[in-house]
Every structure is written in C-alpha cells, then in structure tokens.
Amino acid sequence: HLAVMLKRRVFRVRNALLRECMAEFLGTFVLVLFGCSAAAQVKTSRETKGQFLSINMSFSVGVMSAMYLTKGITGAHLNPAVTLSFCVLGQVPWKRMLPYWLFQVLGAYVASALVYMVYFDAIMEFSGGILTVYGPNETASIFATYPSEYVTLGTSFLDQVVGTGMLMLCILSLDEKRNTPAPHELIPVIVAVVVLGISMSMSGNCGAAINPARDLGPRLLTLTAGWGSEVFTCYNYWFWVPLVAPLVGGVSGSLIYLIFIHWHLPDSVPPKETDTSSNASDVIKQAANTPLMGIELKTASF
C-alpha cells in the first residue's frame, strides 16, 4: 500500500489544466482509434469484414468508452465544437478552450498514426502502394472525411452545422436536474446512441465528422504519412468545412436549447414523489414522538 501511495505521489500531475488536457488527449485518442480502425477494416477488406454500419457503431463505442474514461476529469468534451459550446454557455473558462483543442487534435493524430501502423500492410495491398484521395482504391477516407462528388459546398456546410447542432441539442438536457435528467451512469451510453443516430442518418453527404479534431488530426496524419497535400487541396479545398461548420453548429444547437428549453424550465428542481412521501413520513413520525407540552401542532403542507 505504501508503494502504491508513493507511486501516486510521484506520477500524479499537479497542474489542473495539464491533467485535463491529458484526459482530452486520451479520450479523443480512444474515440478515433475505434472509428478509424473500423474504417480501415471495412475499406481494405472491400466490405467483407464489416459494412458502413460497422464504422458508425465503432465511432459510437469509441465515444462511450472515451466518456467513461475521462468524464470525471473534464466532462469528456472530445470535440472542439463541444468545448466551444460549453465556453459560450459559461460552463468552461475561455482560457481552457485552445489547450483543449490542441490536445484533442493531438490525440486524434496519434490514434490515426497507430491505425496506420496496424493496418499498413492491408492499406498497401488494397491501394497497390499508391496513396491517393481519388479513385476506387483511394484510402484517404479511412482517416478523414470527404464529400460526395454531387454535394455542393453550401450543402456540405449546412450538413455539418445541422449534425453538430443536433448533437449539442440532444446532450445538453441529459444532466439538467430541472427537466428529466438521465441517470448519471448512463449518460455516456445515451450520448453514444445519439452519435450513432446522427452518423446513421446524416453521413451520406460528407461523412458526419461533426468534430473538427476527429477530422483534422487524421487529415494531418495522411499529410505526413504519404498522401501529400492533396488531402487539403482536393474538392476545391473542402477541408475547412468540417473544421468551421461544426463550431457554428455546436453554438447554434446550444442557443436553440437555451431559447426553446433551458430558459423555460422551472426555477427549482421539482420534488420527486418518493422523496415527498419519505419527507412526509419523517415529519409525521417526528410529530408523533414529540411531547406536546402545550405546544400547538400545525398542519404541514407538502
């Protein structure tokens, strides 16, 4: 026991911001590792070892696992759009935004690098050793998101705004005590299901990144691992859409939640029936066991 305590004192990071950044790094790492690994397996096996649904489910499992892993330290943002939204809502200090963003992108980059190493042989066999963004043997989409050829720039921007807006709109109420809060232990599961629903219904146009770190980190990996600058210049420099649109969407979804729901909730937490009964029972028992001593008992209202 003493040895464990000594190790904890030696390895424990005392700087609060650094601890939080480490959590965001590891959480985003787990999220991207699950998702991109599934994408690599589906792509390189030519869908003989999984389908599109496999990728959606794997990203959702990654979200759930990362939230359980890091929620006790930062609340598990895992997404610059979520961090920005919480800053706008006043739940996170603005000075933490850029450090969180940096470590989220770094976590996504390192996870993508690990996926690249694990699936290197499969990627090379599938692509014939030619790493490209276009064509039937392209492999860049294993890591970052890209638009369908028929989708216009405006539509893809709206796509990402709506997807991220839905994410924030659906998760902000989960911990709201004045509404119908979800059980605290099940919040990561519910968020994962929300992400699964978004990815299954809004990923046809451009991959449902809804997370700038999830897209930029892997895109930087492909830039440095052999795909070249084409990952940024392709589709008329489309790369900025999954960086900017989710930020707009996250804030928009948060404002919609405030305007339509949060500002209209009761000022206090409504009492639960079980709690009321328990309190009433306690008062009655206390009154029954208290000598009257000439003191008038008044009826309590519940």
Protein backbone atom coordinates (compact mmCIF):
# COMPACT_ATOMS: atom_id res chain seq x y z
CA HIS A 1 0.00 0.00 0.00
CA LEU A 2 2.84 2.39 0.81
CA ALA A 3 4.49 1.67 -2.53
CA VAL A 4 1.25 2.47 -4.36
CA MET A 5 0.90 5.74 -2.46
CA LEU A 6 4.48 6.72 -3.27
CA LYS A 7 3.98 5.98 -6.96
CA ARG A 8 0.81 8.03 -6.99
CA ARG A 9 2.60 10.97 -5.44
CA VAL A 10 5.46 10.69 -7.93
CA PHE A 11 3.38 10.30 -11.09
CA ARG A 12 0.36 12.43 -10.20
CA VAL A 13 0.20 15.60 -12.29
CA ARG A 14 -0.43 18.55 -10.01
CA ASN A 15 -1.26 21.13 -12.66
CA ALA A 16 -5.06 21.02 -13.14
CA LEU A 17 -5.01 22.26 -16.74
CA LEU A 18 -2.41 19.70 -17.75
CA ARG A 19 -4.43 16.90 -16.15
CA GLU A 20 -7.49 18.00 -18.10
CA CYS A 21 -5.55 18.24 -21.35
CA MET A 22 -4.17 14.74 -20.79
CA ALA A 23 -7.72 13.46 -20.34
CA GLU A 24 -8.91 15.16 -23.54
CA PHE A 25 -5.92 13.73 -25.40
CA LEU A 26 -6.59 10.17 -24.23
CA GLY A 27 -10.34 10.40 -24.71
CA THR A 28 -10.07 11.67 -28.28
CA PHE A 29 -7.38 9.05 -28.92
CA VAL A 30 -9.77 6.26 -27.88
CA LEU A 31 -12.63 7.72 -29.93
CA VAL A 32 -10.61 7.99 -33.15
CA LEU A 33 -8.83 4.67 -32.66
CA PHE A 34 -12.13 2.78 -32.58
CA GLY A 35 -13.63 4.66 -35.51
CA CYS A 36 -10.70 4.79 -37.91
CA SER A 37 -9.75 1.19 -37.18
CA ALA A 38 -13.24 0.13 -38.24
CA ALA A 39 -12.98 2.30 -41.36
CA ALA A 40 -9.66 0.69 -42.24
CA GLN A 41 -11.05 -2.81 -41.74
CA VAL A 42 -14.14 -2.17 -43.85
CA LYS A 43 -12.27 -0.37 -46.64
CA THR A 44 -9.28 -2.69 -47.02
CA SER A 45 -11.41 -5.84 -46.84
CA ARG A 46 -13.70 -4.42 -49.53
CA GLU A 47 -16.60 -4.74 -47.08
CA THR A 48 -16.09 -8.45 -46.48
CA LYS A 49 -15.19 -7.79 -42.81
CA GLY A 50 -17.78 -5.15 -41.99
CA GLN A 51 -20.02 -2.60 -43.61
CA PHE A 52 -20.80 1.12 -43.31
CA LEU A 53 -22.83 0.41 -40.17
CA SER A 54 -19.72 -1.11 -38.58
CA ILE A 55 -17.93 2.23 -38.81
CA ASN A 56 -20.88 4.13 -37.35
CA MET A 57 -21.17 1.72 -34.44
CA SER A 58 -17.44 1.73 -33.78
CA PHE A 59 -17.30 5.51 -33.52
CA SER A 60 -20.24 5.33 -31.10
CA VAL A 61 -18.48 2.71 -28.98
CA GLY A 62 -15.43 4.95 -29.04
CA VAL A 63 -17.49 7.89 -27.76
CA MET A 64 -18.97 5.80 -24.97
CA SER A 65 -15.65 4.32 -23.90
CA ALA A 66 -13.87 7.68 -24.00
CA MET A 67 -16.60 9.31 -21.92
CA TYR A 68 -16.47 6.66 -19.23
CA LEU A 69 -12.70 7.02 -19.24
CA THR A 70 -12.46 10.80 -18.91
CA LYS A 71 -15.81 12.19 -17.74
CA GLY A 72 -14.64 12.52 -14.14
CA ILE A 73 -11.82 14.88 -15.13
CA THR A 74 -13.12 17.19 -17.85
CA GLY A 75 -16.65 16.06 -18.56
CA ALA A 76 -15.32 14.37 -21.71
CA HIS A 77 -15.59 17.01 -24.43
CA LEU A 78 -13.61 15.03 -27.06
CA ASN A 79 -14.67 17.63 -29.62
CA PRO A 80 -13.65 21.29 -30.15
CA ALA A 81 -17.25 22.13 -31.03
CA VAL A 82 -18.39 20.83 -27.64
CA THR A 83 -15.64 22.76 -25.86
CA LEU A 84 -16.55 25.99 -27.67
CA SER A 85 -20.23 25.49 -26.87
CA PHE A 86 -19.51 24.97 -23.17
CA CYS A 87 -17.37 28.11 -23.18
CA VAL A 88 -20.24 30.09 -24.75
CA LEU A 89 -22.62 28.66 -22.14
CA GLY A 90 -20.25 29.69 -19.36
CA GLN A 91 -19.59 26.13 -18.19
CA VAL A 92 -15.89 26.14 -19.14
CA PRO A 93 -13.44 29.07 -18.82
CA TRP A 94 -12.39 30.53 -22.17
CA LYS A 95 -8.72 30.17 -21.27
CA ARG A 96 -9.12 26.38 -21.44
CA MET A 97 -10.51 26.32 -24.97
CA LEU A 98 -7.29 26.45 -27.01
CA PRO A 99 -5.37 23.94 -24.81
CA TYR A 100 -8.31 21.53 -25.02
CA TRP A 101 -8.46 21.96 -28.80
CA LEU A 102 -4.74 21.32 -29.19
CA PHE A 103 -4.76 18.11 -27.17
CA GLN A 104 -7.93 16.86 -28.85
CA VAL A 105 -6.32 17.24 -32.27
CA LEU A 106 -3.10 15.68 -31.00
CA GLY A 107 -4.99 12.70 -29.59
CA ALA A 108 -6.75 12.19 -32.92
CA TYR A 109 -3.43 12.43 -34.78
CA VAL A 110 -1.69 9.85 -32.60
CA ALA A 111 -4.66 7.48 -32.84
CA SER A 112 -4.62 7.77 -36.64
CA ALA A 113 -0.89 7.07 -36.69
CA LEU A 114 -1.47 3.90 -34.70
CA VAL A 115 -4.27 2.82 -37.05
CA TYR A 116 -1.95 3.45 -39.99
CA MET A 117 0.73 1.22 -38.45
CA VAL A 118 -1.70 -1.55 -37.53
CA TYR A 119 -3.31 -1.59 -40.99
CA PHE A 120 -0.22 -0.64 -43.00
CA ASP A 121 0.02 -3.98 -44.86
CA ALA A 122 -3.70 -4.01 -45.62
CA ILE A 123 -3.62 -0.41 -46.87
CA MET A 124 -0.67 -1.10 -49.14
CA GLU A 125 -2.24 -4.26 -50.54
CA PHE A 126 -5.56 -2.53 -51.15
CA SER A 127 -4.07 0.57 -52.78
CA GLY A 128 -1.25 -1.13 -54.64
CA GLY A 129 1.17 1.10 -52.77
CA ILE A 130 -0.34 4.29 -54.21
CA LEU A 131 -1.81 6.51 -51.53
CA THR A 132 -4.43 8.76 -53.04
CA VAL A 133 -7.64 10.64 -52.32
CA TYR A 134 -9.44 9.77 -55.58
CA GLY A 135 -10.38 6.59 -57.39
CA PRO A 136 -11.69 3.13 -56.48
CA ASN A 137 -8.58 2.32 -54.47
CA GLU A 138 -8.38 5.58 -52.51
CA THR A 139 -7.55 5.16 -48.83
CA ALA A 140 -7.57 8.73 -47.52
CA SER A 141 -11.21 8.35 -46.45
CA ILE A 142 -10.12 5.75 -43.90
CA PHE A 143 -8.87 8.64 -41.80
CA ALA A 144 -10.54 11.98 -42.66
CA THR A 145 -13.94 12.79 -44.14
CA TYR A 146 -14.57 13.81 -47.74
CA PRO A 147 -17.73 14.97 -49.57
CA SER A 148 -19.66 13.01 -52.15
CA GLU A 149 -18.95 14.35 -55.61
CA TYR A 150 -22.53 15.57 -56.13
CA VAL A 151 -22.67 17.63 -52.91
CA THR A 152 -22.21 21.39 -53.21
CA LEU A 153 -20.11 23.37 -50.76
CA GLY A 154 -23.15 25.09 -49.28
CA THR A 155 -24.98 21.79 -48.73
CA SER A 156 -21.97 20.18 -47.07
CA PHE A 157 -21.55 23.19 -44.75
CA LEU A 158 -25.23 23.02 -43.79
CA ASP A 159 -24.88 19.25 -43.32
CA GLN A 160 -22.17 19.71 -40.70
CA VAL A 161 -23.96 22.58 -38.97
CA VAL A 162 -27.14 20.52 -38.61
CA GLY A 163 -25.34 17.39 -37.44
CA THR A 164 -23.33 19.14 -34.74
CA GLY A 165 -26.30 21.27 -33.74
CA MET A 166 -28.33 18.11 -33.17
CA LEU A 167 -25.50 16.68 -31.08
CA MET A 168 -25.45 19.65 -28.69
CA LEU A 169 -29.24 19.99 -28.62
CA CYS A 170 -29.63 16.35 -27.59
CA ILE A 171 -26.85 16.13 -24.99
CA LEU A 172 -27.35 19.40 -23.11
CA SER A 173 -30.55 18.19 -21.45
CA LEU A 174 -29.11 14.91 -20.19
CA ASP A 175 -27.74 16.41 -16.96
CA GLU A 176 -30.43 19.05 -16.45
CA LYS A 177 -31.91 18.45 -12.99
CA ARG A 178 -34.88 20.76 -13.65
CA ASN A 179 -36.01 18.71 -16.64
CA THR A 180 -35.88 14.91 -16.97
CA PRO A 181 -32.21 14.11 -16.35
CA ALA A 182 -30.71 10.83 -17.45
CA PRO A 183 -29.11 8.55 -14.85
CA HIS A 184 -25.59 9.87 -14.41
CA GLU A 185 -24.01 6.46 -15.03
CA LEU A 186 -25.84 6.06 -18.33
CA ILE A 187 -25.03 9.44 -19.89
CA PRO A 188 -22.07 8.06 -21.93
CA VAL A 189 -24.31 5.31 -23.32
CA ILE A 190 -27.02 7.79 -24.28
CA VAL A 191 -24.52 10.15 -25.93
CA ALA A 192 -23.14 7.19 -27.89
CA VAL A 193 -26.64 6.36 -29.11
CA VAL A 194 -27.17 10.00 -30.14
CA VAL A 195 -23.90 9.92 -32.10
CA LEU A 196 -24.95 6.64 -33.69
CA GLY A 197 -28.26 8.16 -34.75
CA ILE A 198 -26.56 11.19 -36.28
CA SER A 199 -23.96 9.13 -38.12
CA MET A 200 -26.60 6.71 -39.45
CA SER A 201 -28.88 9.49 -40.71
CA MET A 202 -26.55 12.36 -41.66
CA SER A 203 -23.35 10.84 -43.02
CA GLY A 204 -24.31 10.30 -46.66
CA ASN A 205 -23.22 13.74 -47.84
CA CYS A 206 -19.79 14.10 -46.29
CA GLY A 207 -19.14 11.54 -43.58
CA ALA A 208 -20.68 13.19 -40.49
CA ALA A 209 -17.45 14.39 -38.93
CA ILE A 210 -19.31 16.77 -36.52
CA ASN A 211 -15.95 17.06 -34.76
CA PRO A 212 -13.06 19.24 -36.02
CA ALA A 213 -10.45 17.26 -34.06
CA ARG A 214 -11.71 13.93 -35.37
CA ASP A 215 -11.23 15.26 -38.91
CA LEU A 216 -8.13 17.48 -38.64
CA GLY A 217 -5.97 15.07 -36.64
CA PRO A 218 -6.35 12.18 -39.12
CA ARG A 219 -6.04 14.56 -42.07
CA LEU A 220 -2.71 15.81 -40.74
CA LEU A 221 -1.62 12.18 -40.38
CA THR A 222 -2.38 11.49 -44.04
CA LEU A 223 -0.49 14.65 -44.99
CA THR A 224 2.64 13.41 -43.21
CA ALA A 225 2.28 9.69 -43.99
CA GLY A 226 2.39 9.81 -47.78
CA TRP A 227 -0.91 11.07 -49.14
CA GLY A 228 0.55 14.54 -49.57
CA SER A 229 -1.05 17.97 -49.76
CA GLU A 230 -3.90 16.61 -51.87
CA VAL A 231 -5.76 15.80 -48.65
CA PHE A 232 -6.12 19.57 -48.13
CA THR A 233 -6.48 20.79 -51.72
CA CYS A 234 -8.93 18.18 -53.02
CA TYR A 235 -12.58 19.04 -53.71
CA ASN A 236 -11.72 22.74 -54.01
CA TYR A 237 -10.07 22.99 -50.58
CA TRP A 238 -13.06 21.41 -48.88
CA PHE A 239 -11.08 20.58 -45.70
CA TRP A 240 -12.15 23.78 -43.92
CA VAL A 241 -15.82 22.74 -43.87
CA PRO A 242 -15.51 20.03 -41.17
CA LEU A 243 -13.37 22.47 -39.18
CA VAL A 244 -15.63 25.54 -39.23
CA ALA A 245 -19.16 24.20 -39.71
CA PRO A 246 -19.21 22.03 -36.54
CA LEU A 247 -18.18 25.06 -34.47
CA VAL A 248 -21.09 27.04 -35.92
CA GLY A 249 -23.43 24.10 -35.47
CA GLY A 250 -22.42 23.44 -31.87
CA VAL A 251 -23.03 27.03 -30.80
CA SER A 252 -26.28 27.16 -32.80
CA GLY A 253 -27.59 23.99 -31.17
CA SER A 254 -26.67 25.32 -27.74
CA LEU A 255 -28.50 28.60 -28.36
CA ILE A 256 -31.58 26.75 -29.60
CA TYR A 257 -31.54 24.71 -26.39
CA LEU A 258 -31.36 27.87 -24.29
CA ILE A 259 -34.12 29.69 -26.17
CA PHE A 260 -36.58 26.83 -26.52
CA ILE A 261 -35.95 24.78 -23.36
CA HIS A 262 -33.48 26.00 -20.71
CA TRP A 263 -34.95 29.45 -20.10
CA HIS A 264 -38.45 27.97 -19.72
CA LEU A 265 -37.70 25.31 -17.12
CA PRO A 266 -38.93 25.78 -13.53
CA ASP A 267 -36.63 27.77 -11.28
CA SER A 268 -36.21 24.91 -8.82
CA VAL A 269 -35.89 21.15 -9.09
CA PRO A 270 -39.37 19.59 -8.85
CA PRO A 271 -39.60 17.19 -5.89
CA LYS A 272 -39.89 13.51 -6.58
CA GLU A 273 -42.92 11.66 -5.29
CA THR A 274 -40.81 9.15 -3.42
CA ASP A 275 -38.86 11.92 -1.75
CA THR A 276 -42.10 13.74 -0.78
CA SER A 277 -43.57 10.63 0.77
CA SER A 278 -40.41 9.98 2.68
CA ASN A 279 -40.26 13.56 4.00
CA ALA A 280 -43.93 13.49 4.99
CA SER A 281 -43.46 10.20 6.79
CA ASP A 282 -40.46 11.54 8.68
CA VAL A 283 -42.37 14.65 9.78
CA ILE A 284 -45.34 12.59 10.97
CA LYS A 285 -43.11 10.22 12.93
CA GLN A 286 -41.27 13.13 14.50
CA ALA A 287 -44.53 14.81 15.46
CA ALA A 288 -45.90 11.61 16.97
CA ASN A 289 -42.82 11.13 19.10
CA THR A 290 -42.64 14.75 20.30
CA PRO A 291 -44.33 15.60 23.64
CA LEU A 292 -46.96 18.28 23.12
CA MET A 293 -46.05 20.29 26.26
CA GLY A 294 -48.88 22.70 25.47
CA ILE A 295 -47.44 23.49 22.01
CA GLU A 296 -50.00 23.55 19.20
CA LEU A 297 -49.13 21.28 16.29
CA LYS A 298 -49.76 22.94 12.96
CA THR A 299 -50.60 21.05 9.81
CA ALA A 300 -47.63 20.82 7.44
CA SER A 301 -48.27 21.37 3.76
CA PHE A 302 -46.37 19.29 1.26
